[in-house]
Amino acid sequence: MCRMARPRKPLLSRDRIVETAGALVDAEGLEALSTRRLAAALGVSGPSLYNHFRTKDEILDAVADAVSARVDLSVFEDGRDWREALHDWAVSYRRALADHPNIVPVLARGPGRRPAGLRVADAVFGAMTDAGWPPAQATRIGALMRYFVMGSALGSFAQGFVDDRAAYDPADYPHLGQAHLLAERGQEIDEGAFETGLRALLDGLSVQYETLVGD
């Protein structure tokens, strides 16, 4: 009797589920993800997902953690000054979130038990305390940076304006005469705004550092 050979690779894996779920969220938003929709995209039955994840929320946590895992933490390990390291980490962090903005609301809840998210928090806190920041202030810096980076990734300032000059009647909005041009320069404006804010934030922290830590 001839038996069918088993597939070389299992039909389903955690990584494949997370990758497919992440693609759905990226394309259509959090509301688009359901276990039924995900199973259909994977070509499997719904119950088979529960061999890897107990709930949809666990899948979303895994998708969020996969994004956190893309953040470059090596900047805290190569001897850079704390300010330079924090700057470069924030740029990497924002890039990861900007590539997957629809998952940011899940990340904004905090790391919870997510391993990659916890590694991010641990790396920032450790780098700040190693640089001499008091632990309480290092905690505040970690929170501050998370607020700033996540807020910048939630949406585009420039893309919030339409490209119709008539929408901004100077009689009503005397200072928005060029607002219809913002959308076409969206990436440049948004990245410039992030860099301006980040450097202003770091300038302020540097003043505090001299007061609290000194040489």
C-alpha atoms as a PDB file:
ATOM      1  CA  MET A   1       0.000   0.000   0.000  1.00  0.00           C
ATOM      2  CA  CYS A   2       1.430   3.350  -1.023  1.00  0.00           C
ATOM      3  CA  ARG A   3       1.508   6.050   1.623  1.00  0.00           C
ATOM      4  CA  MET A   4       1.699   9.742   0.956  1.00  0.00           C
ATOM      5  CA  ALA A   5       5.004  11.270   1.996  1.00  0.00           C
ATOM      6  CA  ARG A   6       4.878  13.794   4.776  1.00  0.00           C
ATOM      7  CA  PRO A   7       5.709  17.370   3.775  1.00  0.00           C
ATOM      8  CA  ARG A   8       9.305  18.321   4.430  1.00  0.00           C
ATOM      9  CA  LYS A   9       8.208  21.392   6.365  1.00  0.00           C
ATOM     10  CA  PRO A  10       5.193  21.679   8.656  1.00  0.00           C
ATOM     11  CA  LEU A  11       2.304  23.496   7.074  1.00  0.00           C
ATOM     12  CA  LEU A  12       2.101  25.912   9.956  1.00  0.00           C
ATOM     13  CA  SER A  13       4.640  27.520  12.262  1.00  0.00           C
ATOM     14  CA  ARG A  14       4.647  30.417  14.696  1.00  0.00           C
ATOM     15  CA  ASP A  15       6.858  32.427  12.371  1.00  0.00           C
ATOM     16  CA  ARG A  16       4.573  31.894   9.392  1.00  0.00           C
ATOM     17  CA  ILE A  17       1.509  32.839  11.427  1.00  0.00           C
ATOM     18  CA  VAL A  18       3.180  36.010  12.706  1.00  0.00           C
ATOM     19  CA  GLU A  19       4.429  36.992   9.257  1.00  0.00           C
ATOM     20  CA  THR A  20       1.013  36.533   7.661  1.00  0.00           C
ATOM     21  CA  ALA A  21      -0.802  38.287  10.503  1.00  0.00           C
ATOM     22  CA  GLY A  22       1.639  41.188  10.297  1.00  0.00           C
ATOM     23  CA  ALA A  23       1.056  41.512   6.561  1.00  0.00           C
ATOM     24  CA  LEU A  24      -2.715  41.655   7.119  1.00  0.00           C
ATOM     25  CA  VAL A  25      -2.361  44.322   9.791  1.00  0.00           C
ATOM     26  CA  ASP A  26       0.032  46.339   7.631  1.00  0.00           C
ATOM     27  CA  ALA A  27      -2.296  46.214   4.644  1.00  0.00           C
ATOM     28  CA  GLU A  28      -5.688  46.667   6.272  1.00  0.00           C
ATOM     29  CA  GLY A  29      -5.306  47.611   9.939  1.00  0.00           C
ATOM     30  CA  LEU A  30      -5.924  45.896  13.252  1.00  0.00           C
ATOM     31  CA  GLU A  31      -9.626  45.478  12.575  1.00  0.00           C
ATOM     32  CA  ALA A  32      -8.880  43.260   9.584  1.00  0.00           C
ATOM     33  CA  LEU A  33      -7.229  40.586  11.691  1.00  0.00           C
ATOM     34  CA  SER A  34      -9.418  37.742  12.870  1.00  0.00           C
ATOM     35  CA  THR A  35      -8.555  34.105  13.391  1.00  0.00           C
ATOM     36  CA  ARG A  36     -10.927  33.175  10.562  1.00  0.00           C
ATOM     37  CA  ARG A  37      -9.350  35.670   8.159  1.00  0.00           C
ATOM     38  CA  LEU A  38      -5.845  34.655   9.185  1.00  0.00           C
ATOM     39  CA  ALA A  39      -6.572  30.950   8.786  1.00  0.00           C
ATOM     40  CA  ALA A  40      -7.945  31.597   5.304  1.00  0.00           C
ATOM     41  CA  ALA A  41      -4.850  33.553   4.334  1.00  0.00           C
ATOM     42  CA  LEU A  42      -2.690  30.688   5.570  1.00  0.00           C
ATOM     43  CA  GLY A  43      -4.811  28.057   3.848  1.00  0.00           C
ATOM     44  CA  VAL A  44      -5.555  26.169   7.064  1.00  0.00           C
ATOM     45  CA  SER A  45      -8.517  25.570   9.356  1.00  0.00           C
ATOM     46  CA  GLY A  46      -9.097  28.034  12.172  1.00  0.00           C
ATOM     47  CA  PRO A  47      -8.565  25.569  15.037  1.00  0.00           C
ATOM     48  CA  SER A  48      -5.064  24.733  13.789  1.00  0.00           C
ATOM     49  CA  LEU A  49      -3.936  28.219  14.827  1.00  0.00           C
ATOM     50  CA  TYR A  50      -4.584  27.299  18.441  1.00  0.00           C
ATOM     51  CA  ASN A  51      -1.783  24.764  18.338  1.00  0.00           C
ATOM     52  CA  HIS A  52       0.537  27.790  18.330  1.00  0.00           C
ATOM     53  CA  PHE A  53      -1.443  30.662  19.881  1.00  0.00           C
ATOM     54  CA  ARG A  54      -4.306  30.549  22.358  1.00  0.00           C
ATOM     55  CA  THR A  55      -5.962  33.804  21.339  1.00  0.00           C
ATOM     56  CA  LYS A  56      -5.936  36.529  18.712  1.00  0.00           C
ATOM     57  CA  ASP A  57      -4.385  38.867  21.277  1.00  0.00           C
ATOM     58  CA  GLU A  58      -1.430  36.507  21.608  1.00  0.00           C
ATOM     59  CA  ILE A  59      -0.960  36.677  17.844  1.00  0.00           C
ATOM     60  CA  LEU A  60      -1.066  40.469  17.939  1.00  0.00           C
ATOM     61  CA  ASP A  61       1.468  40.480  20.766  1.00  0.00           C
ATOM     62  CA  ALA A  62       3.767  38.324  18.652  1.00  0.00           C
ATOM     63  CA  VAL A  63       3.362  40.634  15.651  1.00  0.00           C
ATOM     64  CA  ALA A  64       4.163  43.631  17.838  1.00  0.00           C
ATOM     65  CA  ASP A  65       7.185  41.893  19.303  1.00  0.00           C
ATOM     66  CA  ALA A  66       8.498  41.072  15.840  1.00  0.00           C
ATOM     67  CA  VAL A  67       8.516  44.816  15.139  1.00  0.00           C
ATOM     68  CA  SER A  68      10.307  45.536  18.436  1.00  0.00           C
ATOM     69  CA  ALA A  69      12.925  42.962  17.462  1.00  0.00           C
ATOM     70  CA  ARG A  70      13.892  45.146  14.499  1.00  0.00           C
ATOM     71  CA  VAL A  71      15.055  47.993  16.749  1.00  0.00           C
ATOM     72  CA  ASP A  72      18.843  48.313  16.783  1.00  0.00           C
ATOM     73  CA  LEU A  73      20.119  47.834  20.338  1.00  0.00           C
ATOM     74  CA  SER A  74      23.775  47.505  19.349  1.00  0.00           C
ATOM     75  CA  VAL A  75      24.074  51.293  19.621  1.00  0.00           C
ATOM     76  CA  PHE A  76      24.200  50.838  23.402  1.00  0.00           C
ATOM     77  CA  GLU A  77      27.012  48.298  23.238  1.00  0.00           C
ATOM     78  CA  ASP A  78      29.793  49.902  21.201  1.00  0.00           C
ATOM     79  CA  GLY A  79      30.988  52.643  23.515  1.00  0.00           C
ATOM     80  CA  ARG A  80      29.000  55.558  22.121  1.00  0.00           C
ATOM     81  CA  ASP A  81      28.206  58.505  24.356  1.00  0.00           C
ATOM     82  CA  TRP A  82      24.762  58.109  25.949  1.00  0.00           C
ATOM     83  CA  ARG A  83      23.354  61.011  23.943  1.00  0.00           C
ATOM     84  CA  GLU A  84      24.567  59.681  20.593  1.00  0.00           C
ATOM     85  CA  ALA A  85      23.390  56.183  21.460  1.00  0.00           C
ATOM     86  CA  LEU A  86      19.943  57.423  22.478  1.00  0.00           C
ATOM     87  CA  HIS A  87      19.666  59.434  19.260  1.00  0.00           C
ATOM     88  CA  ASP A  88      20.635  56.522  17.010  1.00  0.00           C
ATOM     89  CA  TRP A  89      18.385  54.115  18.905  1.00  0.00           C
ATOM     90  CA  ALA A  90      15.425  56.506  18.567  1.00  0.00           C
ATOM     91  CA  VAL A  91      15.987  56.792  14.807  1.00  0.00           C
ATOM     92  CA  SER A  92      16.059  53.001  14.485  1.00  0.00           C
ATOM     93  CA  TYR A  93      12.987  52.680  16.718  1.00  0.00           C
ATOM     94  CA  ARG A  94      10.986  55.177  14.683  1.00  0.00           C
ATOM     95  CA  ARG A  95      12.020  53.525  11.412  1.00  0.00           C
ATOM     96  CA  ALA A  96      10.736  50.164  12.652  1.00  0.00           C
ATOM     97  CA  LEU A  97       7.434  51.664  13.759  1.00  0.00           C
ATOM     98  CA  ALA A  98       7.011  53.846  10.676  1.00  0.00           C
ATOM     99  CA  ASP A  99       7.266  50.721   8.521  1.00  0.00           C
ATOM    100  CA  HIS A 100       4.391  49.154  10.493  1.00  0.00           C
ATOM    101  CA  PRO A 101       2.231  52.029  11.808  1.00  0.00           C
ATOM    102  CA  ASN A 102      -0.923  49.953  12.224  1.00  0.00           C
ATOM    103  CA  ILE A 103       0.636  47.885  15.018  1.00  0.00           C
ATOM    104  CA  VAL A 104       1.737  50.948  17.034  1.00  0.00           C
ATOM    105  CA  PRO A 105      -1.439  51.003  19.194  1.00  0.00           C
ATOM    106  CA  VAL A 106      -0.574  47.491  20.395  1.00  0.00           C
ATOM    107  CA  LEU A 107       3.015  48.492  21.127  1.00  0.00           C
ATOM    108  CA  ALA A 108       1.795  51.583  22.957  1.00  0.00           C
ATOM    109  CA  ARG A 109       0.240  49.395  25.654  1.00  0.00           C
ATOM    110  CA  GLY A 110       3.745  48.602  26.871  1.00  0.00           C
ATOM    111  CA  PRO A 111       5.981  45.549  26.588  1.00  0.00           C
ATOM    112  CA  GLY A 112       4.030  43.391  29.028  1.00  0.00           C
ATOM    113  CA  ARG A 113       5.642  39.958  28.705  1.00  0.00           C
ATOM    114  CA  ARG A 114       6.911  40.407  25.139  1.00  0.00           C
ATOM    115  CA  PRO A 115      10.604  39.398  25.067  1.00  0.00           C
ATOM    116  CA  ALA A 116      11.847  41.794  22.374  1.00  0.00           C
ATOM    117  CA  GLY A 117       9.920  44.695  23.896  1.00  0.00           C
ATOM    118  CA  LEU A 118      11.396  43.938  27.293  1.00  0.00           C
ATOM    119  CA  ARG A 119      14.890  43.811  25.788  1.00  0.00           C
ATOM    120  CA  VAL A 120      14.334  47.294  24.371  1.00  0.00           C
ATOM    121  CA  ALA A 121      13.250  48.657  27.756  1.00  0.00           C
ATOM    122  CA  ASP A 122      16.119  46.889  29.514  1.00  0.00           C
ATOM    123  CA  ALA A 123      18.703  48.216  27.039  1.00  0.00           C
ATOM    124  CA  VAL A 124      17.582  51.841  27.379  1.00  0.00           C
ATOM    125  CA  PHE A 125      17.383  51.751  31.169  1.00  0.00           C
ATOM    126  CA  GLY A 126      20.718  49.963  31.454  1.00  0.00           C
ATOM    127  CA  ALA A 127      22.462  52.394  29.130  1.00  0.00           C
ATOM    128  CA  MET A 128      21.155  55.404  31.009  1.00  0.00           C
ATOM    129  CA  THR A 129      22.081  54.103  34.459  1.00  0.00           C
ATOM    130  CA  ASP A 130      25.504  53.010  33.171  1.00  0.00           C
ATOM    131  CA  ALA A 131      25.995  56.589  31.961  1.00  0.00           C
ATOM    132  CA  GLY A 132      25.325  57.832  35.489  1.00  0.00           C
ATOM    133  CA  TRP A 133      21.686  58.819  35.329  1.00  0.00           C
ATOM    134  CA  PRO A 134      19.844  58.142  38.615  1.00  0.00           C
ATOM    135  CA  PRO A 135      17.516  55.137  38.216  1.00  0.00           C
ATOM    136  CA  ALA A 136      14.346  57.191  38.667  1.00  0.00           C
ATOM    137  CA  GLN A 137      15.391  59.626  35.945  1.00  0.00           C
ATOM    138  CA  ALA A 138      16.521  56.777  33.680  1.00  0.00           C
ATOM    139  CA  THR A 139      12.997  55.348  33.967  1.00  0.00           C
ATOM    140  CA  ARG A 140      11.514  58.713  33.012  1.00  0.00           C
ATOM    141  CA  ILE A 141      13.846  58.983  30.026  1.00  0.00           C
ATOM    142  CA  GLY A 142      12.745  55.567  28.796  1.00  0.00           C
ATOM    143  CA  ALA A 143       9.103  56.587  29.098  1.00  0.00           C
ATOM    144  CA  LEU A 144       9.725  59.978  27.477  1.00  0.00           C
ATOM    145  CA  MET A 145      11.493  58.447  24.489  1.00  0.00           C
ATOM    146  CA  ARG A 146       8.739  55.884  24.024  1.00  0.00           C
ATOM    147  CA  TYR A 147       6.068  58.601  24.038  1.00  0.00           C
ATOM    148  CA  PHE A 148       8.015  60.707  21.562  1.00  0.00           C
ATOM    149  CA  VAL A 149       8.914  57.955  19.117  1.00  0.00           C
ATOM    150  CA  MET A 150       5.514  56.263  19.143  1.00  0.00           C
ATOM    151  CA  GLY A 151       3.699  59.555  18.757  1.00  0.00           C
ATOM    152  CA  SER A 152       5.801  60.395  15.718  1.00  0.00           C
ATOM    153  CA  ALA A 153       4.981  57.041  14.131  1.00  0.00           C
ATOM    154  CA  LEU A 154       1.213  57.155  14.615  1.00  0.00           C
ATOM    155  CA  GLY A 155       0.597  59.391  11.636  1.00  0.00           C
ATOM    156  CA  SER A 156       1.983  61.965   9.239  1.00  0.00           C
ATOM    157  CA  PHE A 157       1.622  65.667   9.994  1.00  0.00           C
ATOM    158  CA  ALA A 158       2.214  66.626   6.384  1.00  0.00           C
ATOM    159  CA  GLN A 159      -0.167  64.038   4.946  1.00  0.00           C
ATOM    160  CA  GLY A 160      -2.906  65.474   7.113  1.00  0.00           C
ATOM    161  CA  PHE A 161      -3.331  68.343   4.667  1.00  0.00           C
ATOM    162  CA  VAL A 162      -5.042  67.982   1.275  1.00  0.00           C
ATOM    163  CA  ASP A 163      -3.389  69.100  -1.952  1.00  0.00           C
ATOM    164  CA  ASP A 164      -6.283  71.419  -2.862  1.00  0.00           C
ATOM    165  CA  ARG A 165      -5.376  75.103  -2.578  1.00  0.00           C
ATOM    166  CA  ALA A 166      -9.057  76.012  -2.375  1.00  0.00           C
ATOM    167  CA  ALA A 167      -9.396  74.124   0.905  1.00  0.00           C
ATOM    168  CA  TYR A 168      -7.393  76.815   2.682  1.00  0.00           C
ATOM    169  CA  ASP A 169      -9.169  80.081   2.007  1.00  0.00           C
ATOM    170  CA  PRO A 170      -6.895  82.895   3.229  1.00  0.00           C
ATOM    171  CA  ALA A 171      -9.932  84.649   4.628  1.00  0.00           C
ATOM    172  CA  ASP A 172     -10.312  81.778   7.071  1.00  0.00           C
ATOM    173  CA  TYR A 173      -6.706  80.537   7.347  1.00  0.00           C
ATOM    174  CA  PRO A 174      -4.392  83.471   6.616  1.00  0.00           C
ATOM    175  CA  HIS A 175      -1.237  81.501   7.446  1.00  0.00           C
ATOM    176  CA  LEU A 176      -1.978  78.307   5.503  1.00  0.00           C
ATOM    177  CA  GLY A 177      -1.458  79.607   1.993  1.00  0.00           C
ATOM    178  CA  GLN A 178       1.122  76.903   1.244  1.00  0.00           C
ATOM    179  CA  ALA A 179      -0.505  74.082   3.212  1.00  0.00           C
ATOM    180  CA  HIS A 180      -1.690  72.356   0.026  1.00  0.00           C
ATOM    181  CA  LEU A 181       1.965  71.709  -0.844  1.00  0.00           C
ATOM    182  CA  LEU A 182       2.795  69.829   2.346  1.00  0.00           C
ATOM    183  CA  ALA A 183       1.514  66.406   1.323  1.00  0.00           C
ATOM    184  CA  GLU A 184       3.892  66.063  -1.627  1.00  0.00           C
ATOM    185  CA  ARG A 185       6.831  66.658   0.721  1.00  0.00           C
ATOM    186  CA  GLY A 186       5.428  64.492   3.481  1.00  0.00           C
ATOM    187  CA  GLN A 187       8.390  62.233   4.200  1.00  0.00           C
ATOM    188  CA  GLU A 188      10.888  65.089   4.172  1.00  0.00           C
ATOM    189  CA  ILE A 189       8.766  67.200   6.524  1.00  0.00           C
ATOM    190  CA  ASP A 190       7.928  64.380   8.909  1.00  0.00           C
ATOM    191  CA  GLU A 191      11.508  63.132   9.171  1.00  0.00           C
ATOM    192  CA  GLY A 192      12.780  66.681   9.602  1.00  0.00           C
ATOM    193  CA  ALA A 193      10.253  67.326  12.347  1.00  0.00           C
ATOM    194  CA  PHE A 194      11.280  64.134  14.127  1.00  0.00           C
ATOM    195  CA  GLU A 195      14.966  65.042  13.967  1.00  0.00           C
ATOM    196  CA  THR A 196      14.282  68.602  15.161  1.00  0.00           C
ATOM    197  CA  GLY A 197      12.257  67.354  18.113  1.00  0.00           C
ATOM    198  CA  LEU A 198      14.723  64.605  18.962  1.00  0.00           C
ATOM    199  CA  ARG A 199      17.678  66.982  19.058  1.00  0.00           C
ATOM    200  CA  ALA A 200      15.719  69.492  21.139  1.00  0.00           C
ATOM    201  CA  LEU A 201      14.799  66.722  23.547  1.00  0.00           C
ATOM    202  CA  LEU A 202      18.402  65.542  23.814  1.00  0.00           C
ATOM    203  CA  ASP A 203      19.622  69.120  24.312  1.00  0.00           C
ATOM    204  CA  GLY A 204      17.288  69.426  27.279  1.00  0.00           C
ATOM    205  CA  LEU A 205      18.397  66.094  28.706  1.00  0.00           C
ATOM    206  CA  SER A 206      22.035  67.151  28.342  1.00  0.00           C
ATOM    207  CA  VAL A 207      21.375  70.209  30.522  1.00  0.00           C
ATOM    208  CA  GLN A 208      19.726  67.993  33.147  1.00  0.00           C
ATOM    209  CA  TYR A 209      22.627  65.544  32.939  1.00  0.00           C
ATOM    210  CA  GLU A 210      25.174  68.229  33.760  1.00  0.00           C
ATOM    211  CA  THR A 211      23.068  69.258  36.749  1.00  0.00           C
ATOM    212  CA  LEU A 212      22.431  65.750  38.081  1.00  0.00           C
ATOM    213  CA  VAL A 213      25.613  63.951  37.125  1.00  0.00           C
ATOM    214  CA  GLY A 214      28.240  66.453  36.028  1.00  0.00           C
ATOM    215  CA  ASP A 215      31.689  65.301  35.011  1.00  0.00           C
END
